[in-house]
Amino acid sequence: MNYVTLDNIIKKLKLEEVHRATDASDIKIYTTEVNRPGLPIVGYFEQFVPERIQIIGNAEWLYYNELPYTLRYDSIDKFLAYPIPALIVARDLPIFPELLELAKKHNRTLLRAKKNTSIVINELVSFLSINLAPTITMHGVLIEVYGIGVLITGKSGIGKSETALDLIIRGHRLVADDSVEIRKDEDRLFGQCPELIRYFMEIRGIGIIDVERLYGVGAVKESEYIDLVVQLEFWDDKKVYDRLGLDEETTEILGVKVPRVVVPVKPGRNLAMIVELAARNNRQKRLGYNAAQVLNDKILKEIEVRKKDNERNP
């Protein structure tokens, strides 16, 4: 079962550790849902789900602030008695001394965020949704081309990495080489590289290179949605390749259909330029313009005009 560690959440959201529980490194989050404990802090725990990360915003803080010390202490004591993974205080609000005291007493991780509550919740839910989504790892190269996430696939040795390197030199950004971790985010696919090999590439004859060090931070990107699959295959003279583009192919990954183009590889073909063209064409189609369909419509219209002319002038 997928999970996200509390340490990763703290690092990703840049949270301040006010108090770190002794078991914080072992805490794992399995749900994308978070909770603002409005009812629990007034004493109602009937539907309380302690497995979720708890977030205190301005409303909860003001309620606590107006309570007499004894009532506030009792409320926090009952709340933190539940095994919550962590409590985040948003908006950089002051930490009540008794909140820190009771976090230590119950061994709960107490965190603080500078951003307002809605932004913290949105960032946290988004991070959890992506990292807890169904995941597979595919062999290929993921690169951002003109804002389009292009997954280049094909047999080993066909030239995926070399094509990606040519694209990087042309100003596009590498996300992952060789191994691409793909997650399903609602009805879209989200790709990134395993952290261990992030921004490294293998170029046959040269070896391993560090793209970020060689070409700068503008040549790499941590993650990207996958909008197009470009499948490279060795040229087969017996195979009939699509020359018009009317029949759009797709490939299914984690139940999501992604547009796919098959590019035959042979000496003399500029693969980087072809991938650029495929990305541009894909973007045009997403905006509602299909050049192949427009040309086909023109041809059909011309055939119809000539047919009518022949009928009038037999």
Protein backbone atom coordinates (compact mmCIF):
# COMPACT_ATOMS: atom_id res chain seq x y z
CA MET A 1 0.00 0.00 0.00
CA ASN A 2 1.32 3.46 -0.91
CA TYR A 3 2.22 5.85 1.86
CA VAL A 4 3.99 9.15 2.42
CA THR A 5 6.33 9.66 5.34
CA LEU A 6 5.82 12.60 7.66
CA ASP A 7 9.43 13.65 7.04
CA ASN A 8 8.70 14.03 3.32
CA ILE A 9 5.68 16.20 4.08
CA ILE A 10 7.71 18.42 6.41
CA LYS A 11 10.40 18.80 3.77
CA LYS A 12 8.02 19.39 0.85
CA LEU A 13 5.85 21.98 2.61
CA LYS A 14 8.84 23.56 4.40
CA LEU A 15 7.17 23.26 7.80
CA GLU A 16 8.71 24.47 11.03
CA GLU A 17 9.21 21.71 13.59
CA VAL A 18 8.01 23.19 16.87
CA HIS A 19 8.17 19.80 18.55
CA ARG A 20 9.23 16.52 16.96
CA ALA A 21 7.81 13.30 18.35
CA THR A 22 10.26 10.51 19.09
CA ASP A 23 8.58 8.30 16.49
CA ALA A 24 8.22 11.03 13.82
CA SER A 25 10.60 9.27 11.41
CA ASP A 26 8.37 6.18 11.47
CA ILE A 27 5.05 7.95 10.87
CA LYS A 28 3.43 7.11 7.52
CA ILE A 29 0.38 8.74 5.96
CA TYR A 30 -1.97 6.52 3.94
CA THR A 31 -4.85 8.89 3.21
CA THR A 32 -5.16 12.04 1.07
CA GLU A 33 -7.65 13.58 3.49
CA VAL A 34 -6.72 16.16 6.11
CA ASN A 35 -8.77 17.54 8.97
CA ARG A 36 -9.52 20.88 10.59
CA PRO A 37 -10.53 19.79 14.11
CA GLY A 38 -13.42 22.18 14.70
CA LEU A 39 -15.66 19.66 16.45
CA PRO A 40 -12.96 17.81 18.41
CA ILE A 41 -11.70 21.00 20.05
CA VAL A 42 -15.20 21.65 21.43
CA GLY A 43 -15.34 18.10 22.77
CA TYR A 44 -17.18 16.12 20.07
CA PHE A 45 -15.12 13.10 18.96
CA GLU A 46 -17.88 10.83 17.61
CA GLN A 47 -16.77 11.01 13.93
CA PHE A 48 -13.18 12.05 14.57
CA VAL A 49 -10.57 10.36 12.33
CA PRO A 50 -7.20 10.59 14.11
CA GLU A 51 -5.31 8.98 11.18
CA ARG A 52 -5.44 12.27 9.29
CA ILE A 53 -3.06 15.18 9.64
CA GLN A 54 -4.74 17.88 11.71
CA ILE A 55 -4.57 21.57 10.76
CA ILE A 56 -5.38 24.51 13.02
CA GLY A 57 -6.27 27.71 11.19
CA ASN A 58 -7.29 31.16 12.27
CA ALA A 59 -10.81 30.15 13.38
CA GLU A 60 -9.61 27.32 15.63
CA TRP A 61 -6.78 29.44 17.02
CA LEU A 62 -9.16 32.32 17.89
CA TYR A 63 -11.52 29.89 19.60
CA TYR A 64 -8.67 28.53 21.73
CA ASN A 65 -7.44 32.05 22.44
CA GLU A 66 -10.80 33.09 23.90
CA LEU A 67 -11.04 30.09 26.22
CA PRO A 68 -9.94 30.35 29.83
CA TYR A 69 -6.64 28.60 30.49
CA THR A 70 -8.20 25.57 32.22
CA LEU A 71 -10.73 24.90 29.47
CA ARG A 72 -8.11 25.36 26.74
CA TYR A 73 -5.73 22.98 28.52
CA ASP A 74 -8.43 20.31 28.93
CA SER A 75 -9.54 20.65 25.31
CA ILE A 76 -6.02 20.30 23.92
CA ASP A 77 -5.26 17.45 26.32
CA LYS A 78 -8.26 15.41 25.11
CA PHE A 79 -7.49 16.22 21.47
CA LEU A 80 -3.82 15.24 21.59
CA ALA A 81 -4.61 12.07 23.51
CA TYR A 82 -5.66 10.64 20.14
CA PRO A 83 -2.78 9.19 18.06
CA ILE A 84 -2.75 11.88 15.37
CA PRO A 85 0.25 11.79 12.96
CA ALA A 86 0.90 15.54 13.31
CA LEU A 87 -0.70 18.88 14.09
CA ILE A 88 0.02 21.86 11.81
CA VAL A 89 -0.61 25.41 12.98
CA ALA A 90 -1.09 27.59 9.88
CA ARG A 91 -0.55 31.33 9.21
CA ASP A 92 2.54 31.37 11.45
CA LEU A 93 0.22 31.78 14.45
CA PRO A 94 1.72 31.85 17.96
CA ILE A 95 1.96 28.49 19.72
CA PHE A 96 0.10 28.32 23.04
CA PRO A 97 2.50 27.22 25.79
CA GLU A 98 0.08 24.51 26.89
CA LEU A 99 -0.13 23.23 23.27
CA LEU A 100 3.63 22.71 23.23
CA GLU A 101 3.54 21.21 26.73
CA LEU A 102 0.83 18.71 25.83
CA ALA A 103 2.46 17.84 22.49
CA LYS A 104 5.49 16.77 24.50
CA LYS A 105 3.34 14.95 27.04
CA HIS A 106 1.50 12.89 24.39
CA ASN A 107 4.52 12.63 22.08
CA ARG A 108 2.81 14.34 19.12
CA THR A 109 4.63 16.17 16.33
CA LEU A 110 3.75 19.87 16.36
CA LEU A 111 4.44 21.84 13.16
CA ARG A 112 3.90 25.38 11.97
CA ALA A 113 3.37 26.79 8.46
CA LYS A 114 3.85 30.38 7.34
CA LYS A 115 1.17 30.22 4.63
CA ASN A 116 -2.55 30.69 5.25
CA THR A 117 -4.74 27.71 6.03
CA SER A 118 -6.35 27.19 2.61
CA ILE A 119 -2.99 27.22 0.83
CA VAL A 120 -1.51 24.75 3.34
CA ILE A 121 -4.48 22.41 2.88
CA ASN A 122 -4.36 22.66 -0.92
CA GLU A 123 -0.62 22.03 -1.08
CA LEU A 124 -0.84 19.14 1.37
CA VAL A 125 -3.80 17.45 -0.36
CA SER A 126 -2.17 17.91 -3.76
CA PHE A 127 1.12 16.42 -2.53
CA LEU A 128 -0.66 13.48 -0.90
CA SER A 129 -2.91 12.87 -3.93
CA ILE A 130 0.05 12.64 -6.28
CA ASN A 131 2.21 10.49 -4.02
CA LEU A 132 -0.57 8.13 -2.90
CA ALA A 133 -1.94 7.61 -6.41
CA PRO A 134 -1.58 4.26 -8.24
CA THR A 135 2.01 4.02 -9.49
CA ILE A 136 4.00 2.11 -12.08
CA THR A 137 7.57 2.42 -13.35
CA MET A 138 8.21 2.44 -17.09
CA HIS A 139 11.38 2.26 -19.16
CA GLY A 140 11.71 5.43 -21.17
CA VAL A 141 12.58 9.12 -21.11
CA LEU A 142 10.26 11.89 -19.93
CA ILE A 143 10.99 15.37 -21.18
CA GLU A 144 9.10 18.66 -21.29
CA VAL A 145 8.87 20.03 -24.83
CA TYR A 146 7.12 23.39 -25.31
CA GLY A 147 5.18 22.80 -22.09
CA ILE A 148 4.07 19.33 -23.25
CA GLY A 149 5.14 16.28 -21.24
CA VAL A 150 6.53 13.81 -23.79
CA LEU A 151 7.26 10.21 -22.79
CA ILE A 152 9.74 8.69 -25.25
CA THR A 153 9.61 4.89 -25.33
CA GLY A 154 11.26 2.18 -27.43
CA LYS A 155 13.63 -0.74 -27.28
CA SER A 156 16.95 -0.42 -25.51
CA GLY A 157 19.61 1.12 -27.74
CA ILE A 158 17.21 2.77 -30.17
CA GLY A 159 18.30 6.28 -29.19
CA LYS A 160 15.88 7.55 -26.56
CA SER A 161 18.53 9.19 -24.38
CA GLU A 162 20.40 10.65 -27.37
CA THR A 163 17.15 12.15 -28.66
CA ALA A 164 16.42 13.59 -25.22
CA LEU A 165 19.94 15.05 -25.01
CA ASP A 166 19.46 16.73 -28.39
CA LEU A 167 16.17 18.18 -27.09
CA ILE A 168 17.91 19.48 -23.95
CA ILE A 169 20.50 21.23 -26.10
CA ARG A 170 17.61 22.78 -28.03
CA GLY A 171 16.27 24.31 -24.80
CA HIS A 172 13.81 21.70 -23.48
CA ARG A 173 13.86 20.14 -19.99
CA LEU A 174 14.65 16.63 -18.79
CA VAL A 175 12.40 15.04 -16.16
CA ALA A 176 13.55 11.41 -16.15
CA ASP A 177 15.88 9.16 -18.10
CA ASP A 178 15.72 5.37 -18.29
CA SER A 179 13.25 4.91 -15.40
CA VAL A 180 10.04 6.94 -15.18
CA GLU A 181 7.76 6.73 -12.14
CA ILE A 182 4.20 7.32 -13.33
CA ARG A 183 1.29 8.13 -11.04
CA LYS A 184 -2.38 8.58 -11.84
CA ASP A 185 -3.68 11.98 -10.76
CA GLU A 186 -7.46 11.82 -11.34
CA ASP A 187 -7.72 11.48 -15.15
CA ARG A 188 -4.11 12.49 -15.93
CA LEU A 189 -0.71 10.86 -15.61
CA PHE A 190 2.07 12.45 -13.61
CA GLY A 191 5.69 11.42 -14.17
CA GLN A 192 8.92 11.92 -12.27
CA CYS A 193 12.31 10.30 -11.82
CA PRO A 194 13.36 8.11 -8.90
CA GLU A 195 15.29 10.39 -6.56
CA LEU A 196 18.43 8.23 -6.67
CA ILE A 197 19.02 8.78 -10.42
CA ARG A 198 17.32 12.17 -10.83
CA TYR A 199 18.86 14.30 -13.63
CA PHE A 200 21.44 11.66 -14.56
CA MET A 201 21.56 10.24 -18.10
CA GLU A 202 23.36 7.32 -19.69
CA ILE A 203 24.85 8.05 -23.10
CA ARG A 204 26.40 5.02 -24.77
CA GLY A 205 30.06 5.63 -25.53
CA ILE A 206 30.28 8.45 -22.98
CA GLY A 207 28.78 6.99 -19.81
CA ILE A 208 26.81 8.72 -17.07
CA ILE A 209 26.33 12.49 -17.25
CA ASP A 210 24.74 14.95 -14.83
CA VAL A 211 22.40 17.09 -16.92
CA GLU A 212 21.85 19.68 -14.20
CA ARG A 213 25.60 20.23 -13.74
CA LEU A 214 26.34 20.32 -17.47
CA TYR A 215 23.43 22.39 -18.74
CA GLY A 216 22.12 24.21 -15.64
CA VAL A 217 18.94 24.12 -13.58
CA GLY A 218 16.94 25.41 -16.56
CA ALA A 219 17.56 22.11 -18.36
CA VAL A 220 15.81 19.92 -15.78
CA LYS A 221 12.42 19.64 -14.13
CA GLU A 222 11.39 17.56 -11.13
CA SER A 223 8.06 16.32 -12.52
CA GLU A 224 5.63 16.77 -15.39
CA TYR A 225 2.23 15.56 -16.59
CA ILE A 226 2.39 13.13 -19.49
CA ASP A 227 0.51 14.50 -22.51
CA LEU A 228 2.04 12.49 -25.36
CA VAL A 229 3.84 9.20 -25.91
CA VAL A 230 6.40 9.06 -28.72
CA GLN A 231 7.29 5.45 -29.48
CA LEU A 232 10.57 4.98 -31.36
CA GLU A 233 10.97 1.80 -33.41
CA PHE A 234 13.46 0.62 -36.00
CA TRP A 235 12.36 1.32 -39.57
CA ASP A 236 10.61 -1.67 -41.16
CA ASP A 237 10.35 -1.50 -44.95
CA LYS A 238 7.48 -3.98 -44.88
CA LYS A 239 5.39 -1.85 -42.52
CA VAL A 240 3.02 0.86 -43.72
CA TYR A 241 3.48 3.96 -41.55
CA ASP A 242 0.83 6.63 -41.05
CA ARG A 243 1.46 9.51 -43.44
CA LEU A 244 -1.65 11.59 -42.81
CA GLY A 245 -2.36 11.46 -39.08
CA LEU A 246 -6.13 11.03 -39.41
CA ASP A 247 -6.18 7.89 -37.29
CA GLU A 248 -5.09 8.98 -33.83
CA GLU A 249 -3.47 6.23 -31.78
CA THR A 250 -3.47 6.04 -27.99
CA THR A 251 -1.73 3.97 -25.39
CA GLU A 252 -3.27 3.07 -22.04
CA ILE A 253 -1.29 3.58 -18.83
CA LEU A 254 -2.96 3.01 -15.45
CA GLY A 255 -6.33 3.11 -17.19
CA VAL A 256 -5.65 6.52 -18.79
CA LYS A 257 -5.48 6.80 -22.58
CA VAL A 258 -2.65 9.01 -23.82
CA PRO A 259 -2.11 10.09 -27.46
CA ARG A 260 0.71 8.14 -29.10
CA VAL A 261 2.75 8.61 -32.24
CA VAL A 262 5.04 5.93 -33.67
CA VAL A 263 8.27 7.33 -35.15
CA PRO A 264 10.33 4.96 -37.33
CA VAL A 265 14.08 5.37 -36.79
CA LYS A 266 16.67 5.18 -39.55
CA PRO A 267 19.93 7.02 -40.33
CA GLY A 268 19.43 10.62 -41.38
CA ARG A 269 16.20 11.30 -39.48
CA ASN A 270 16.35 14.21 -37.05
CA LEU A 271 14.50 12.63 -34.13
CA ALA A 272 14.70 15.68 -31.86
CA MET A 273 13.06 17.85 -34.51
CA ILE A 274 10.37 15.21 -35.08
CA VAL A 275 9.61 15.04 -31.33
CA GLU A 276 9.38 18.84 -31.23
CA LEU A 277 6.98 18.71 -34.17
CA ALA A 278 4.90 15.99 -32.48
CA ALA A 279 4.65 18.11 -29.31
CA ARG A 280 3.60 21.22 -31.26
CA ASN A 281 1.05 19.21 -33.26
CA ASN A 282 -0.34 17.64 -30.10
CA ARG A 283 -0.82 21.08 -28.56
CA GLN A 284 -2.63 22.27 -31.70
CA LYS A 285 -4.98 19.28 -31.50
CA ARG A 286 -5.70 20.01 -27.84
CA LEU A 287 -6.61 23.55 -28.88
CA GLY A 288 -9.03 22.16 -31.48
CA TYR A 289 -6.97 22.35 -34.69
CA ASN A 290 -6.08 19.15 -36.59
CA ALA A 291 -4.09 19.87 -39.74
CA ALA A 292 -4.75 16.41 -41.21
CA GLN A 293 -8.49 16.80 -40.67
CA VAL A 294 -8.48 20.30 -42.18
CA LEU A 295 -6.68 19.04 -45.30
CA ASN A 296 -9.00 16.05 -45.54
CA ASP A 297 -12.04 18.34 -45.33
CA LYS A 298 -10.60 20.53 -48.09
CA ILE A 299 -10.03 17.52 -50.32
CA LEU A 300 -13.55 16.20 -49.73
CA LYS A 301 -14.98 19.64 -50.44
CA GLU A 302 -13.00 19.89 -53.67
CA ILE A 303 -14.20 16.43 -54.73
CA GLU A 304 -17.79 17.49 -54.08
CA VAL A 305 -17.35 20.70 -56.11
CA ARG A 306 -15.87 18.81 -59.07
CA LYS A 307 -18.61 16.21 -58.85
CA LYS A 308 -21.28 18.93 -59.11
CA ASP A 309 -19.42 20.57 -62.01
CA ASN A 310 -19.35 17.26 -63.86
CA GLU A 311 -23.06 16.78 -63.26
CA ARG A 312 -23.81 20.28 -64.70
CA ASN A 313 -21.42 19.83 -67.61
CA PRO A 314 -21.55 16.16 -68.62
